[in-house]
Amino acid sequence: MPTRSARTAWNGTLEQGSGQVELSSSKVGTYEVSFPKRAADDAGGTTSPEELIAAAHSACYAMQLSANIAEAGGRPSPSTCPPTSRSGRTRTTAASI
């Protein structure tokens, strides 16, 4: 597998600082991050490490599930795998499968 990379630039303290996360290898974009918005119920369009981890888990889970179904002779159908991440824990659920 190829190496994937991201970069984070942070300025200031944890409570009052902010930063940007750049998805470097894919060049998909640069996203704002801040601890106050990370801990808030409404992030106002700001992402968080937990959201990025949840997205990675969701994508990996969906791909592997599809591979397992095909390997067992089945035909994978469209599925939604919405993981949730909260307080340092990520839980992947197989919803709509």
C-alpha atoms as a PDB file:
ATOM      1  CA  MET A   1       0.000   0.000   0.000  1.00  0.00           C
ATOM      2  CA  PRO A   2       1.253   3.504  -0.712  1.00  0.00           C
ATOM      3  CA  THR A   3       2.082   5.908   2.092  1.00  0.00           C
ATOM      4  CA  ARG A   4      -0.570   8.529   2.835  1.00  0.00           C
ATOM      5  CA  SER A   5       0.195  11.745   4.651  1.00  0.00           C
ATOM      6  CA  ALA A   6      -1.453  14.655   6.378  1.00  0.00           C
ATOM      7  CA  ARG A   7      -0.072  17.725   8.093  1.00  0.00           C
ATOM      8  CA  THR A   8      -1.377  19.867  10.935  1.00  0.00           C
ATOM      9  CA  ALA A   9      -0.339  23.432  11.697  1.00  0.00           C
ATOM     10  CA  TRP A  10      -1.353  24.656  15.181  1.00  0.00           C
ATOM     11  CA  ASN A  11      -1.125  28.142  16.686  1.00  0.00           C
ATOM     12  CA  GLY A  12      -1.778  29.106  20.290  1.00  0.00           C
ATOM     13  CA  THR A  13      -2.860  27.293  23.411  1.00  0.00           C
ATOM     14  CA  LEU A  14      -5.167  24.294  23.496  1.00  0.00           C
ATOM     15  CA  GLU A  15      -8.155  26.278  24.741  1.00  0.00           C
ATOM     16  CA  GLN A  16      -7.719  29.373  22.577  1.00  0.00           C
ATOM     17  CA  GLY A  17      -5.643  28.152  19.666  1.00  0.00           C
ATOM     18  CA  SER A  18      -6.661  26.847  16.278  1.00  0.00           C
ATOM     19  CA  GLY A  19      -5.097  25.100  13.364  1.00  0.00           C
ATOM     20  CA  GLN A  20      -5.448  23.580   9.943  1.00  0.00           C
ATOM     21  CA  VAL A  21      -5.286  19.940   8.913  1.00  0.00           C
ATOM     22  CA  GLU A  22      -4.068  19.403   5.368  1.00  0.00           C
ATOM     23  CA  LEU A  23      -4.743  16.116   3.594  1.00  0.00           C
ATOM     24  CA  SER A  24      -1.380  16.259   1.858  1.00  0.00           C
ATOM     25  CA  SER A  25      -1.167  13.110  -0.239  1.00  0.00           C
ATOM     26  CA  SER A  26      -4.680  13.330  -1.708  1.00  0.00           C
ATOM     27  CA  LYS A  27      -4.699  17.134  -1.924  1.00  0.00           C
ATOM     28  CA  VAL A  28      -8.428  16.994  -1.104  1.00  0.00           C
ATOM     29  CA  GLY A  29      -8.226  20.071   1.046  1.00  0.00           C
ATOM     30  CA  THR A  30      -7.262  21.881   4.190  1.00  0.00           C
ATOM     31  CA  TYR A  31      -9.675  21.959   7.115  1.00  0.00           C
ATOM     32  CA  GLU A  32      -9.937  24.159  10.205  1.00  0.00           C
ATOM     33  CA  VAL A  33      -9.570  22.550  13.650  1.00  0.00           C
ATOM     34  CA  SER A  34      -9.931  23.976  17.148  1.00  0.00           C
ATOM     35  CA  PHE A  35     -10.393  22.456  20.576  1.00  0.00           C
ATOM     36  CA  PRO A  36     -13.449  24.542  21.550  1.00  0.00           C
ATOM     37  CA  LYS A  37     -15.265  23.449  18.383  1.00  0.00           C
ATOM     38  CA  ARG A  38     -13.955  19.887  18.780  1.00  0.00           C
ATOM     39  CA  ALA A  39     -15.616  19.697  22.196  1.00  0.00           C
ATOM     40  CA  ALA A  40     -18.818  21.542  21.165  1.00  0.00           C
ATOM     41  CA  ASP A  41     -22.077  19.877  20.166  1.00  0.00           C
ATOM     42  CA  ASP A  42     -22.205  22.043  17.018  1.00  0.00           C
ATOM     43  CA  ALA A  43     -18.801  22.217  15.351  1.00  0.00           C
ATOM     44  CA  GLY A  44     -19.939  24.868  12.877  1.00  0.00           C
ATOM     45  CA  GLY A  45     -18.230  23.304   9.875  1.00  0.00           C
ATOM     46  CA  THR A  46     -14.968  22.573  11.698  1.00  0.00           C
ATOM     47  CA  THR A  47     -13.691  19.002  11.617  1.00  0.00           C
ATOM     48  CA  SER A  48     -11.993  17.100  14.441  1.00  0.00           C
ATOM     49  CA  PRO A  49      -9.510  14.260  14.800  1.00  0.00           C
ATOM     50  CA  GLU A  50     -12.406  12.049  15.941  1.00  0.00           C
ATOM     51  CA  GLU A  51     -14.392  12.801  12.779  1.00  0.00           C
ATOM     52  CA  LEU A  52     -11.399  11.999  10.574  1.00  0.00           C
ATOM     53  CA  ILE A  53     -10.816   8.720  12.445  1.00  0.00           C
ATOM     54  CA  ALA A  54     -14.523   7.860  12.153  1.00  0.00           C
ATOM     55  CA  ALA A  55     -14.351   8.477   8.394  1.00  0.00           C
ATOM     56  CA  ALA A  56     -11.292   6.222   8.069  1.00  0.00           C
ATOM     57  CA  HIS A  57     -12.933   3.444  10.089  1.00  0.00           C
ATOM     58  CA  SER A  58     -16.133   3.709   8.073  1.00  0.00           C
ATOM     59  CA  ALA A  59     -14.330   3.444   4.739  1.00  0.00           C
ATOM     60  CA  CYS A  60     -12.137   0.526   5.836  1.00  0.00           C
ATOM     61  CA  TYR A  61     -15.092  -1.321   7.362  1.00  0.00           C
ATOM     62  CA  ALA A  62     -17.233  -0.942   4.220  1.00  0.00           C
ATOM     63  CA  MET A  63     -14.407  -2.113   1.946  1.00  0.00           C
ATOM     64  CA  GLN A  64     -13.581  -5.156   4.077  1.00  0.00           C
ATOM     65  CA  LEU A  65     -17.246  -6.098   4.496  1.00  0.00           C
ATOM     66  CA  SER A  66     -17.677  -5.990   0.724  1.00  0.00           C
ATOM     67  CA  ALA A  67     -14.581  -8.171   0.258  1.00  0.00           C
ATOM     68  CA  ASN A  68     -15.824 -10.706   2.833  1.00  0.00           C
ATOM     69  CA  ILE A  69     -19.261 -10.956   1.196  1.00  0.00           C
ATOM     70  CA  ALA A  70     -17.722 -11.438  -2.244  1.00  0.00           C
ATOM     71  CA  GLU A  71     -15.237 -14.016  -0.918  1.00  0.00           C
ATOM     72  CA  ALA A  72     -18.119 -15.994   0.559  1.00  0.00           C
ATOM     73  CA  GLY A  73     -19.808 -16.061  -2.865  1.00  0.00           C
ATOM     74  CA  GLY A  74     -22.290 -13.287  -2.222  1.00  0.00           C
ATOM     75  CA  ARG A  75     -22.900 -10.122  -4.135  1.00  0.00           C
ATOM     76  CA  PRO A  76     -22.243  -6.983  -2.103  1.00  0.00           C
ATOM     77  CA  SER A  77     -25.013  -4.401  -2.243  1.00  0.00           C
ATOM     78  CA  PRO A  78     -24.768  -0.713  -1.407  1.00  0.00           C
ATOM     79  CA  SER A  79     -24.313  -0.200   2.317  1.00  0.00           C
ATOM     80  CA  THR A  80     -23.891   2.587   4.820  1.00  0.00           C
ATOM     81  CA  CYS A  81     -21.432   2.220   7.660  1.00  0.00           C
ATOM     82  CA  PRO A  82     -21.760   5.197  10.003  1.00  0.00           C
ATOM     83  CA  PRO A  83     -19.171   4.932  12.760  1.00  0.00           C
ATOM     84  CA  THR A  84     -19.384   7.269  15.701  1.00  0.00           C
ATOM     85  CA  SER A  85     -16.487   8.605  17.682  1.00  0.00           C
ATOM     86  CA  ARG A  86     -16.795  10.112  21.125  1.00  0.00           C
ATOM     87  CA  SER A  87     -14.385  10.776  23.973  1.00  0.00           C
ATOM     88  CA  GLY A  88     -11.542   8.850  22.405  1.00  0.00           C
ATOM     89  CA  ARG A  89     -13.637   5.813  21.494  1.00  0.00           C
ATOM     90  CA  THR A  90     -14.706   4.898  17.988  1.00  0.00           C
ATOM     91  CA  ARG A  91     -17.538   2.467  17.402  1.00  0.00           C
ATOM     92  CA  THR A  92     -18.339   1.132  13.944  1.00  0.00           C
ATOM     93  CA  THR A  93     -21.818  -0.140  13.288  1.00  0.00           C
ATOM     94  CA  ALA A  94     -23.090  -1.952  10.230  1.00  0.00           C
ATOM     95  CA  ALA A  95     -26.258   0.011   9.588  1.00  0.00           C
ATOM     96  CA  SER A  96     -28.320  -0.419   6.433  1.00  0.00           C
ATOM     97  CA  ILE A  97     -26.484  -3.584   5.419  1.00  0.00           C
END
